[in-house]
Every structure is written in C-alpha cells, then in structure tokens.
Amino acid sequence: MPTINKAHIKRNSEDKSFKTTSNEHASSSTNNEILNEVIKHQYALKSFARTIENYEDLIELDTKQYNLDSLFAMDIGGSLCKIIFFECKSENFENTELKELFKSLKNNIFSTEDYGFSGIRDRYKSIKTKTGCIHFILFETQRVKNAVELLFQNDIIKNIKQISCTGGGSYKFEEYFREHYNIEIKKYDEFKSLLTGLNALLKYSPNESYHYNIDKTINDFDKPIPDVYDNSKSIFPYLLVNVGSGVSVLHVKDENNFERVSGSGIGGATFSGLVNALTNINSFDEALQASRKGNSANVNMLVGDIYGGEYQSFNLPANMVASFFGKFSKNDSLDKASDADICNALLVMITNNVGQVAYLNAMRYNLTKIYFSGNFLRSNVVAMKALANAIHFWSHGEIQAHFLKHEGYFGALGTFFLNNLSQYNNI
C-alpha cells in the first residue's frame, strides 16, 4: 500500500479551489465565514429561555449572604479557563464596605464583553434567577493570570481569600494564586462538578438542550431546535458523550451515581493531528470551514465504487462509505482530493465513529437520551450536525443527538453550586 506523501498533497493542493497558506484574503474570508456561522448559531440559542424554573429548589441562590469569594467559581482546563460570576443584589452583603466593593467589581466586569487578548463574557448565555443573574466568562488558560488581574483589580483581590475551582488547573495554579495573591484554591472533583452543573440546568433551566432536524446532507440543516421535556419525568438516566482530545462515555444513572462505561482514542485531537499531517491547513477553524466545502467521495471508497450502485441485498445505498480514505490506497486518487475533501472525510470519519460508540453504549444500557459535550463541539456547528446525522443513521432515526447550550461551562457552574448551595453538600 502506498504511503501518503504530505509534500505531494501540499504541492497538489495549490491547484485546488480551497487555498489556505498563499492567500491572506482567502484566509480572512474563511475566518469571517466561521465567525458568521458561530454568531448565527449563538443568536439562535439566544431565543431559548434563559431562566431558572422549579425555583423553590434553588431559592438559596438569592437569599444567602455572600462574600466576594463565593460569587466566583472556576474550571481551569488544559486550553480554556471558564469562570462563573453570580450577580446578586447588594442586600446579599452584610456590610457597607462589601457592598461598595461589589459595586466596583460589577462596574469592572460589565464595562466590556472582551477582556484582554482572549477573555470574553458570553452574554447570550447568562441565566436569570429570581433576583440575580449567573454570568459566564471564558479565557485561554495560558492567560489565566491576566484574567485574575483584569477581573478583580487590586482593591478587590485584597478581599478575596478563597476561590472554588475544578479542573487540572486547580492543581497547576494553586501555588501561583497562593504566592501572588494570598488566595487559596478550594478544589472540587472534575466529574462531580461537571454533572452537578449539567444536571441542574437540565432540571431547572428550560431549553438547555437542543437538537437538529436531519437532512440528507451534512451542511443544510435547520436551526437548532430546543428540547421540551415533561417536568413530571426524571431527566435520568442518560448517556453523556464528552468529545475532547479523545472521547469519554458516561452512564449517568441518577443525581449521585455515574460511571465511565466506554470511550475512544479517536476524537478532536485526531481530527487536528490528521489535518496537520495530510493538508496545508494549519488552524482548526480553517479545517472546519474547509470541511464544509469538501467532498469526501474523492477520498472515501463508497458502496457504489465497489458494486457500481447500491447493494440491495443489505439495503446499502451507493453513497454509503465502505472504507474511509479507501481511495487513497491508489496513488492516482491523491491527485483528485483537495485539502477540503480530506477535511470533510476526516470530520465524517470521526463523527461517525463517535456516533457509533455512543449508539452502541445507549443500546447496551437501554438508554434513549444521548447528550454530547466537550471542547471539540464548542461553537463547532459542523461537527454537531455531523454527529446528529451519525446518530440518526446508526439508530435508524429512533434516537436524536442532543447538544447543550452551556457547553464548556458545566464544571464551573457545578463548582459554584457545590460551594454555595446546601442541597449539594452531601452529594
């Protein structure tokens, strides 16, 4: 079998319609298209309800006395740092000094939606409680030290003695926070925080999850459709498929019981690594946009390539993939595949694999609800739609793939709840 020659593909890609390295205008246009897609997706989610219901279960959020410390919670991951800020009322502080510091803190946070080079406040994701509001802030982990200084400033930092935190960064940055700010990190278990946050929003926040209608193509889907659940029924059990660098599959049985039942080494890092190995494309965003333009039939061997059409005995359509990247087993096929074709084929291959793993585990545990999460899906509309298509295919239309509006923030939100709400103290 011939070895795929990246240099050969790079030379060949100069003649293809999708160029990435030699045309700055094309790159800028690509980034604008990606941004527009993300903005449209976020705007569609904006119309979803952003409130807390069944309110008596979380009334403590608005009635307790706060310190500045307890208004924040953090989830510091390998790439991204997620921060929760709870905007309560000034009456939730017991003295005038704290009220004034809180006012200064709010003015600082709400003066902008962009903080430094990488910080943003996701205003479309804010959730209203009865008298307050939960806000969601995002920084690159490499800039978490700047984030602390930008958000808190000197007069506020002096009054923060402890921050609740989860994720690997709660260990990595623990000594830094102690030495530079005299702030102690109160650590929470990562999966416990994740599921506490997710379960709370599935139970108390309408439209937290959503799905897509399925079309025959990967690109032409309707806008996200909010899920509607019967509040009289339990949200449990369900399958949570976390797609990050790799894939973890969790069987969530109830509020207190879950287990990791499966996983896969084929995930987001696989996509990025193979894009880098096989194409001229050097960024994740460009690879996603390329996948929208590509035709994987130039890369994958289809049923029709083998049988000349559909395989009627097993009801296999002609356009079904028989072998991913099967056409690359022939040297002459390398000349026919563009970078965009390769990106499309990689995305379809990985999402089909993840979809199949998810479906088989759902069948194994007799589950009908599958939620997908993970950094690979953050604003990755193309991958979400591909996963929706994969689950629809593997389940013969009987199961939908469900996605989550506050994807990425559940760990920080769960940490906030664990730190502040007495009902979670014994979980």
Protein backbone atom coordinates (compact mmCIF):
# COMPACT_ATOMS: atom_id res chain seq x y z
CA MET A 1 0.00 0.00 0.00
CA PRO A 2 1.45 3.42 -0.92
CA THR A 3 2.46 5.88 1.77
CA ILE A 4 0.55 9.17 1.79
CA ASN A 5 3.03 11.87 0.94
CA LYS A 6 2.18 15.14 2.66
CA ALA A 7 4.60 17.09 0.50
CA HIS A 8 2.90 15.70 -2.60
CA ILE A 9 -0.51 16.70 -1.26
CA LYS A 10 0.74 20.18 -0.42
CA ARG A 11 2.08 20.72 -3.94
CA ASN A 12 -1.12 19.37 -5.42
CA SER A 13 -3.33 21.49 -3.23
CA GLU A 14 -2.06 24.67 -4.87
CA ASP A 15 -4.27 23.85 -7.85
CA LYS A 16 -7.37 23.28 -5.75
CA SER A 17 -10.10 25.83 -5.20
CA PHE A 18 -9.63 25.96 -1.40
CA LYS A 19 -6.27 27.62 -0.62
CA THR A 20 -5.05 28.33 2.88
CA THR A 21 -1.46 29.44 3.02
CA SER A 22 -0.79 31.56 -0.04
CA ASN A 23 -3.86 33.79 0.00
CA GLU A 24 -4.36 36.01 3.03
CA HIS A 25 -7.65 37.33 1.70
CA ALA A 26 -9.00 33.80 1.39
CA SER A 27 -7.93 33.06 4.97
CA SER A 28 -9.65 36.22 6.20
CA SER A 29 -12.78 35.29 4.28
CA THR A 30 -12.71 31.82 5.79
CA ASN A 31 -12.45 33.20 9.32
CA ASN A 32 -15.36 35.57 8.61
CA GLU A 33 -17.50 32.68 7.38
CA ILE A 34 -16.70 30.68 10.51
CA LEU A 35 -17.47 33.68 12.72
CA ASN A 36 -20.77 34.29 10.92
CA GLU A 37 -21.74 30.65 11.36
CA VAL A 38 -20.95 30.79 15.08
CA ILE A 39 -22.79 34.10 15.50
CA LYS A 40 -25.88 32.72 13.76
CA HIS A 41 -25.77 29.64 15.97
CA GLN A 42 -25.38 31.71 19.16
CA TYR A 43 -28.15 34.09 18.05
CA ALA A 44 -30.46 31.11 17.50
CA LEU A 45 -29.68 29.91 21.03
CA LYS A 46 -30.36 33.43 22.33
CA SER A 47 -34.07 32.89 21.68
CA PHE A 48 -34.09 29.95 24.09
CA ALA A 49 -35.37 30.60 27.61
CA ARG A 50 -32.62 31.75 29.97
CA THR A 51 -34.23 31.49 33.37
CA ILE A 52 -34.31 29.17 36.36
CA GLU A 53 -37.59 27.29 36.88
CA ASN A 54 -38.83 24.99 39.67
CA TYR A 55 -37.39 27.86 41.60
CA GLU A 56 -38.02 26.70 45.14
CA ASP A 57 -35.18 24.17 44.76
CA LEU A 58 -32.60 26.92 44.16
CA ILE A 59 -34.08 29.77 46.19
CA GLU A 60 -30.94 29.80 48.34
CA LEU A 61 -29.08 31.47 45.46
CA ASP A 62 -30.96 34.69 46.09
CA THR A 63 -31.40 34.56 49.87
CA LYS A 64 -27.97 33.73 51.28
CA GLN A 65 -25.34 36.20 52.50
CA TYR A 66 -22.31 36.29 50.19
CA ASN A 67 -18.65 37.12 50.47
CA LEU A 68 -16.88 38.29 47.32
CA ASP A 69 -15.13 34.90 47.27
CA SER A 70 -18.33 32.91 46.85
CA LEU A 71 -19.58 34.89 43.84
CA PHE A 72 -16.99 33.19 41.64
CA ALA A 73 -16.15 29.66 40.56
CA MET A 74 -13.58 28.49 38.03
CA ASP A 75 -12.91 25.48 35.83
CA ILE A 76 -9.31 25.66 34.61
CA GLY A 77 -8.75 23.15 31.81
CA GLY A 78 -5.78 22.49 29.59
CA SER A 79 -6.84 25.02 26.96
CA LEU A 80 -9.63 27.12 28.41
CA CYS A 81 -10.47 28.68 31.75
CA LYS A 82 -14.20 29.04 32.43
CA ILE A 83 -15.41 31.44 35.12
CA ILE A 84 -18.82 31.81 36.75
CA PHE A 85 -19.82 35.16 38.26
CA PHE A 86 -23.06 35.46 40.19
CA GLU A 87 -24.58 38.94 40.14
CA CYS A 88 -26.64 39.08 43.30
CA LYS A 89 -28.28 42.07 44.94
CA SER A 90 -26.35 44.43 47.23
CA GLU A 91 -28.71 43.33 50.02
CA ASN A 92 -26.93 39.96 49.94
CA PHE A 93 -23.91 41.56 51.67
CA GLU A 94 -23.88 42.26 55.35
CA ASN A 95 -21.78 45.44 55.45
CA THR A 96 -21.32 48.67 53.50
CA GLU A 97 -17.68 48.01 52.58
CA LEU A 98 -18.56 44.78 50.78
CA LYS A 99 -21.46 46.48 49.02
CA GLU A 100 -19.11 49.17 47.66
CA LEU A 101 -16.52 46.60 46.56
CA PHE A 102 -19.26 44.59 44.88
CA LYS A 103 -20.41 47.69 43.01
CA SER A 104 -16.84 48.31 41.84
CA LEU A 105 -16.50 44.67 40.82
CA LYS A 106 -19.70 44.80 38.74
CA ASN A 107 -18.66 48.02 37.03
CA ASN A 108 -15.34 46.43 36.09
CA ILE A 109 -16.87 43.20 34.75
CA PHE A 110 -19.74 44.82 32.85
CA SER A 111 -17.70 47.64 31.34
CA THR A 112 -16.88 45.35 28.41
CA GLU A 113 -17.56 41.92 26.91
CA ASP A 114 -13.92 41.43 25.92
CA TYR A 115 -11.09 41.14 28.43
CA GLY A 116 -7.52 41.44 27.19
CA PHE A 117 -6.43 39.19 24.33
CA SER A 118 -8.62 36.15 24.89
CA GLY A 119 -11.26 36.86 27.53
CA ILE A 120 -14.95 37.10 26.63
CA ARG A 121 -18.22 37.29 28.52
CA ASP A 122 -20.85 35.10 26.85
CA ARG A 123 -23.77 37.47 27.39
CA TYR A 124 -26.20 35.32 25.40
CA LYS A 125 -25.67 32.53 27.93
CA SER A 126 -26.45 34.49 31.10
CA ILE A 127 -29.16 32.86 33.23
CA LYS A 128 -31.58 34.88 35.35
CA THR A 129 -32.57 33.77 38.81
CA LYS A 130 -35.41 35.45 40.70
CA THR A 131 -33.37 38.47 41.80
CA GLY A 132 -29.92 37.84 40.32
CA CYS A 133 -28.09 36.59 37.25
CA ILE A 134 -25.42 33.95 36.53
CA HIS A 135 -22.76 35.16 34.07
CA PHE A 136 -20.30 33.08 32.04
CA ILE A 137 -16.75 34.24 31.24
CA LEU A 138 -14.08 32.50 29.18
CA PHE A 139 -10.28 32.91 28.99
CA GLU A 140 -7.48 30.94 27.43
CA THR A 141 -5.79 29.02 30.24
CA GLN A 142 -2.40 30.42 29.28
CA ARG A 143 -3.77 33.87 30.20
CA VAL A 144 -5.48 32.91 33.47
CA LYS A 145 -3.02 35.01 35.46
CA ASN A 146 -4.01 38.08 33.45
CA ALA A 147 -7.66 37.15 33.89
CA VAL A 148 -7.44 37.41 37.66
CA GLU A 149 -5.94 40.88 37.48
CA LEU A 150 -8.34 42.11 34.78
CA LEU A 151 -11.46 40.92 36.59
CA PHE A 152 -10.63 41.62 40.20
CA GLN A 153 -8.16 44.55 40.22
CA ASN A 154 -6.09 45.35 43.28
CA ASP A 155 -8.72 46.62 45.72
CA ILE A 156 -10.93 43.59 45.13
CA ILE A 157 -8.16 40.97 45.16
CA LYS A 158 -7.28 42.01 48.70
CA ASN A 159 -10.77 40.97 49.82
CA ILE A 160 -10.79 37.57 48.11
CA LYS A 161 -9.26 34.86 50.27
CA GLN A 162 -10.50 31.73 48.51
CA ILE A 163 -11.83 30.68 45.08
CA SER A 164 -13.67 27.44 44.40
CA CYS A 165 -12.14 25.68 41.42
CA THR A 166 -12.13 22.45 39.41
CA GLY A 167 -10.08 21.08 36.51
CA GLY A 168 -6.39 20.32 36.22
CA GLY A 169 -5.55 23.99 36.63
CA SER A 170 -6.82 23.93 40.20
CA TYR A 171 -3.65 21.97 40.97
CA LYS A 172 -1.35 23.60 38.43
CA PHE A 173 -2.04 27.18 39.52
CA GLU A 174 -2.64 26.56 43.21
CA GLU A 175 0.81 27.69 44.31
CA TYR A 176 0.73 30.72 42.00
CA PHE A 177 -2.55 32.01 43.47
CA ARG A 178 -1.23 31.48 47.00
CA GLU A 179 2.11 33.21 46.45
CA HIS A 180 0.98 36.16 44.32
CA TYR A 181 -2.49 36.96 45.69
CA ASN A 182 -2.69 35.11 49.01
CA ILE A 183 -5.74 33.31 47.59
CA GLU A 184 -6.41 29.68 48.46
CA ILE A 185 -7.90 27.32 45.86
CA LYS A 186 -10.80 25.21 47.12
CA LYS A 187 -10.72 22.19 44.82
CA TYR A 188 -13.70 20.15 43.62
CA ASP A 189 -13.75 16.86 41.72
CA GLU A 190 -13.95 17.45 37.98
CA PHE A 191 -16.65 14.93 37.05
CA LYS A 192 -18.69 15.71 40.16
CA SER A 193 -18.68 19.42 39.24
CA LEU A 194 -19.46 18.70 35.59
CA LEU A 195 -22.51 16.56 36.34
CA THR A 196 -23.76 18.84 39.13
CA GLY A 197 -23.83 21.77 36.71
CA LEU A 198 -25.30 19.77 33.84
CA ASN A 199 -27.99 18.08 35.94
CA ALA A 200 -29.04 21.40 37.49
CA LEU A 201 -29.58 23.07 34.13
CA LEU A 202 -31.33 20.06 32.63
CA LYS A 203 -33.73 20.11 35.58
CA TYR A 204 -34.18 23.82 36.22
CA SER A 205 -33.41 25.73 33.01
CA PRO A 206 -35.80 25.29 30.06
CA ASN A 207 -34.27 24.69 26.63
CA GLU A 208 -30.81 23.84 27.97
CA SER A 209 -30.55 21.04 25.41
CA TYR A 210 -31.39 21.13 21.73
CA HIS A 211 -31.27 19.01 18.60
CA TYR A 212 -31.24 19.36 14.82
CA ASN A 213 -33.63 18.20 12.18
CA ILE A 214 -31.88 15.80 9.85
CA ASP A 215 -31.43 16.49 6.15
CA LYS A 216 -29.67 14.33 3.58
CA THR A 217 -26.55 16.49 3.67
CA ILE A 218 -24.08 17.48 6.34
CA ASN A 219 -24.41 21.22 5.62
CA ASP A 220 -28.08 22.01 5.10
CA PHE A 221 -29.76 21.70 8.47
CA ASP A 222 -32.43 23.80 10.10
CA LYS A 223 -31.52 25.97 13.06
CA PRO A 224 -31.15 24.32 16.50
CA ILE A 225 -34.48 23.23 17.98
CA PRO A 226 -34.97 23.42 21.77
CA ASP A 227 -35.84 20.18 23.52
CA VAL A 228 -39.04 20.18 25.53
CA TYR A 229 -39.22 17.78 28.48
CA ASP A 230 -42.06 16.77 30.73
CA ASN A 231 -41.15 18.23 34.13
CA SER A 232 -43.02 15.42 35.84
CA LYS A 233 -40.49 12.91 34.49
CA SER A 234 -36.92 12.40 35.67
CA ILE A 235 -34.03 13.53 33.48
CA PHE A 236 -32.27 10.27 34.41
CA PRO A 237 -30.83 8.01 33.19
CA TYR A 238 -28.87 9.34 30.22
CA LEU A 239 -25.61 8.88 28.31
CA LEU A 240 -23.10 11.72 28.27
CA VAL A 241 -20.53 11.58 25.48
CA ASN A 242 -17.67 14.01 26.08
CA VAL A 243 -15.72 14.75 22.90
CA GLY A 244 -12.43 16.43 23.69
CA SER A 245 -8.99 15.32 22.56
CA GLY A 246 -10.36 11.80 22.96
CA VAL A 247 -13.84 10.57 23.85
CA SER A 248 -15.30 9.52 27.22
CA VAL A 249 -18.74 7.96 27.61
CA LEU A 250 -20.53 8.31 30.96
CA HIS A 251 -23.64 6.43 32.05
CA VAL A 252 -25.42 8.87 34.39
CA LYS A 253 -27.88 6.86 36.47
CA ASP A 254 -29.12 9.49 38.90
CA GLU A 255 -28.00 12.57 40.82
CA ASN A 256 -25.34 10.69 42.75
CA ASN A 257 -24.36 7.75 40.55
CA PHE A 258 -22.45 7.67 37.30
CA GLU A 259 -19.68 5.61 35.74
CA ARG A 260 -17.39 5.84 32.75
CA VAL A 261 -18.52 2.91 30.63
CA SER A 262 -16.59 3.43 27.40
CA GLY A 263 -14.52 5.79 25.29
CA SER A 264 -12.44 6.17 22.17
CA GLY A 265 -8.99 7.41 21.27
CA ILE A 266 -10.45 8.91 18.10
CA GLY A 267 -11.56 12.44 18.95
CA GLY A 268 -10.86 16.12 18.43
CA ALA A 269 -7.09 15.81 18.62
CA THR A 270 -7.27 13.06 15.99
CA PHE A 271 -9.01 15.46 13.63
CA SER A 272 -6.49 18.24 14.23
CA GLY A 273 -3.49 15.92 14.02
CA LEU A 274 -4.54 14.29 10.76
CA VAL A 275 -5.47 17.64 9.22
CA ASN A 276 -1.96 18.84 10.05
CA ALA A 277 -0.38 15.65 8.72
CA LEU A 278 -2.32 15.43 5.46
CA THR A 279 -3.08 19.00 4.37
CA ASN A 280 -1.75 22.51 4.05
CA ILE A 281 -4.26 23.76 6.61
CA ASN A 282 -2.74 24.93 9.86
CA SER A 283 -5.70 26.04 12.01
CA PHE A 284 -8.67 24.25 13.49
CA ASP A 285 -11.14 26.91 12.33
CA GLU A 286 -9.91 26.76 8.74
CA ALA A 287 -10.15 22.98 8.79
CA LEU A 288 -13.78 23.19 9.90
CA GLN A 289 -14.64 25.66 7.17
CA ALA A 290 -12.79 23.53 4.62
CA SER A 291 -14.84 20.51 5.66
CA ARG A 292 -17.99 22.39 4.63
CA LYS A 293 -16.66 22.89 1.11
CA GLY A 294 -15.11 19.46 0.61
CA ASN A 295 -16.44 16.29 -1.00
CA SER A 296 -15.42 13.19 0.94
CA ALA A 297 -16.36 10.98 -2.02
CA ASN A 298 -13.00 11.96 -3.51
CA VAL A 299 -11.31 10.33 -0.51
CA ASN A 300 -13.59 7.59 0.80
CA MET A 301 -14.40 4.37 -1.01
CA LEU A 302 -18.18 4.12 -1.31
CA VAL A 303 -20.52 1.17 -1.76
CA GLY A 304 -21.16 2.43 -5.28
CA ASP A 305 -17.43 2.30 -6.07
CA ILE A 306 -17.46 -1.42 -5.27
CA TYR A 307 -20.84 -2.55 -6.63
CA GLY A 308 -21.50 0.11 -9.26
CA GLY A 309 -24.57 1.23 -7.31
CA GLU A 310 -26.47 0.32 -4.16
CA TYR A 311 -26.09 -3.11 -2.58
CA GLN A 312 -29.73 -4.15 -2.50
CA SER A 313 -29.35 -7.38 -0.53
CA PHE A 314 -28.38 -5.43 2.59
CA ASN A 315 -30.13 -2.19 1.67
CA LEU A 316 -26.85 -0.28 1.47
CA PRO A 317 -27.11 2.93 -0.57
CA ALA A 318 -24.49 3.68 -3.22
CA ASN A 319 -23.24 6.76 -1.36
CA MET A 320 -22.60 4.90 1.90
CA VAL A 321 -18.93 4.77 2.99
CA ALA A 322 -17.46 1.30 2.59
CA SER A 323 -13.92 2.34 3.58
CA PHE A 324 -12.79 5.69 4.95
CA PHE A 325 -9.84 7.00 2.93
CA GLY A 326 -10.11 3.86 0.82
CA LYS A 327 -9.42 5.74 -2.40
CA PHE A 328 -6.03 6.77 -1.06
CA SER A 329 -4.95 3.17 -1.46
CA LYS A 330 -4.42 4.12 -5.10
CA ASN A 331 -1.77 6.69 -5.97
CA ASP A 332 -3.79 8.34 -8.72
CA SER A 333 -6.56 9.24 -6.25
CA LEU A 334 -4.23 11.55 -4.33
CA ASP A 335 -4.30 13.97 -7.25
CA LYS A 336 -8.09 14.19 -7.15
CA ALA A 337 -8.52 15.08 -3.46
CA SER A 338 -8.28 18.66 -2.24
CA ASP A 339 -7.50 19.75 1.30
CA ALA A 340 -11.20 20.49 1.72
CA ASP A 341 -12.09 16.94 0.63
CA ILE A 342 -9.68 15.49 3.19
CA CYS A 343 -11.08 17.70 5.99
CA ASN A 344 -14.62 16.67 5.10
CA ALA A 345 -13.64 12.98 5.05
CA LEU A 346 -11.88 13.29 8.43
CA LEU A 347 -14.84 15.00 10.05
CA VAL A 348 -17.28 12.41 8.72
CA MET A 349 -14.99 9.55 9.79
CA ILE A 350 -14.52 10.82 13.35
CA THR A 351 -18.14 11.84 13.96
CA ASN A 352 -19.37 8.52 12.57
CA ASN A 353 -17.02 6.68 14.92
CA VAL A 354 -18.14 8.75 17.91
CA GLY A 355 -21.77 8.36 16.89
CA GLN A 356 -21.43 4.59 16.62
CA VAL A 357 -19.71 4.30 20.00
CA ALA A 358 -22.46 6.45 21.55
CA TYR A 359 -25.27 4.48 19.93
CA LEU A 360 -23.86 1.08 20.89
CA ASN A 361 -23.49 2.16 24.52
CA ALA A 362 -27.03 3.56 24.52
CA MET A 363 -28.25 0.17 23.32
CA ARG A 364 -26.07 -1.64 25.85
CA TYR A 365 -27.66 0.24 28.75
CA ASN A 366 -31.13 0.63 27.18
CA LEU A 367 -30.91 4.45 27.07
CA THR A 368 -32.79 6.77 24.74
CA LYS A 369 -31.19 10.09 25.72
CA ILE A 370 -27.69 10.89 24.46
CA TYR A 371 -26.07 14.24 25.26
CA PHE A 372 -22.86 15.35 23.57
CA SER A 373 -20.40 17.73 25.21
CA GLY A 374 -16.71 18.61 25.09
CA ASN A 375 -14.37 21.27 23.75
CA PHE A 376 -14.37 19.74 20.25
CA LEU A 377 -18.02 20.81 19.98
CA ARG A 378 -17.57 24.36 21.27
CA SER A 379 -19.14 26.51 18.53
CA ASN A 380 -18.33 23.64 16.15
CA VAL A 381 -21.65 23.67 14.31
CA VAL A 382 -20.35 21.45 11.51
CA ALA A 383 -19.34 18.66 13.91
CA MET A 384 -22.61 18.86 15.86
CA LYS A 385 -24.63 18.49 12.69
CA ALA A 386 -22.45 15.60 11.56
CA LEU A 387 -22.98 13.87 14.92
CA ALA A 388 -26.72 14.42 14.63
CA ASN A 389 -26.57 12.75 11.23
CA ALA A 390 -24.48 9.85 12.59
CA ILE A 391 -26.86 9.09 15.49
CA HIS A 392 -29.84 9.32 13.13
CA PHE A 393 -28.13 6.81 10.81
CA TRP A 394 -26.99 4.30 13.42
CA SER A 395 -30.32 4.33 15.29
CA HIS A 396 -32.41 4.28 12.08
CA GLY A 397 -33.98 7.54 13.16
CA GLU A 398 -35.12 6.27 16.57
CA ILE A 399 -32.70 8.35 18.71
CA GLN A 400 -31.73 12.01 18.48
CA ALA A 401 -28.38 13.53 19.35
CA HIS A 402 -28.82 16.26 21.97
CA PHE A 403 -26.45 19.19 22.44
CA LEU A 404 -26.06 21.67 25.27
CA LYS A 405 -26.34 25.43 25.28
CA HIS A 406 -23.89 26.00 28.12
CA GLU A 407 -21.35 23.55 26.74
CA GLY A 408 -17.99 24.01 28.43
CA TYR A 409 -19.34 25.82 31.50
CA PHE A 410 -20.90 22.95 33.45
CA GLY A 411 -17.77 22.27 35.51
CA ALA A 412 -17.52 25.88 36.69
CA LEU A 413 -21.27 26.11 37.29
CA GLY A 414 -21.33 22.86 39.24
CA THR A 415 -18.42 24.09 41.35
CA PHE A 416 -20.38 27.28 42.09
CA PHE A 417 -23.43 25.27 43.16
CA LEU A 418 -21.39 22.85 45.26
CA ASN A 419 -19.73 25.77 47.04
CA ASN A 420 -22.90 27.77 47.69
CA LEU A 421 -25.99 25.56 47.89
CA SER A 422 -26.55 23.42 50.96
CA GLN A 423 -28.61 20.87 48.99
CA TYR A 424 -25.41 19.75 47.27
CA ASN A 425 -23.30 19.41 50.39
CA ASN A 426 -23.98 15.68 50.73
CA ILE A 427 -23.68 14.73 47.03
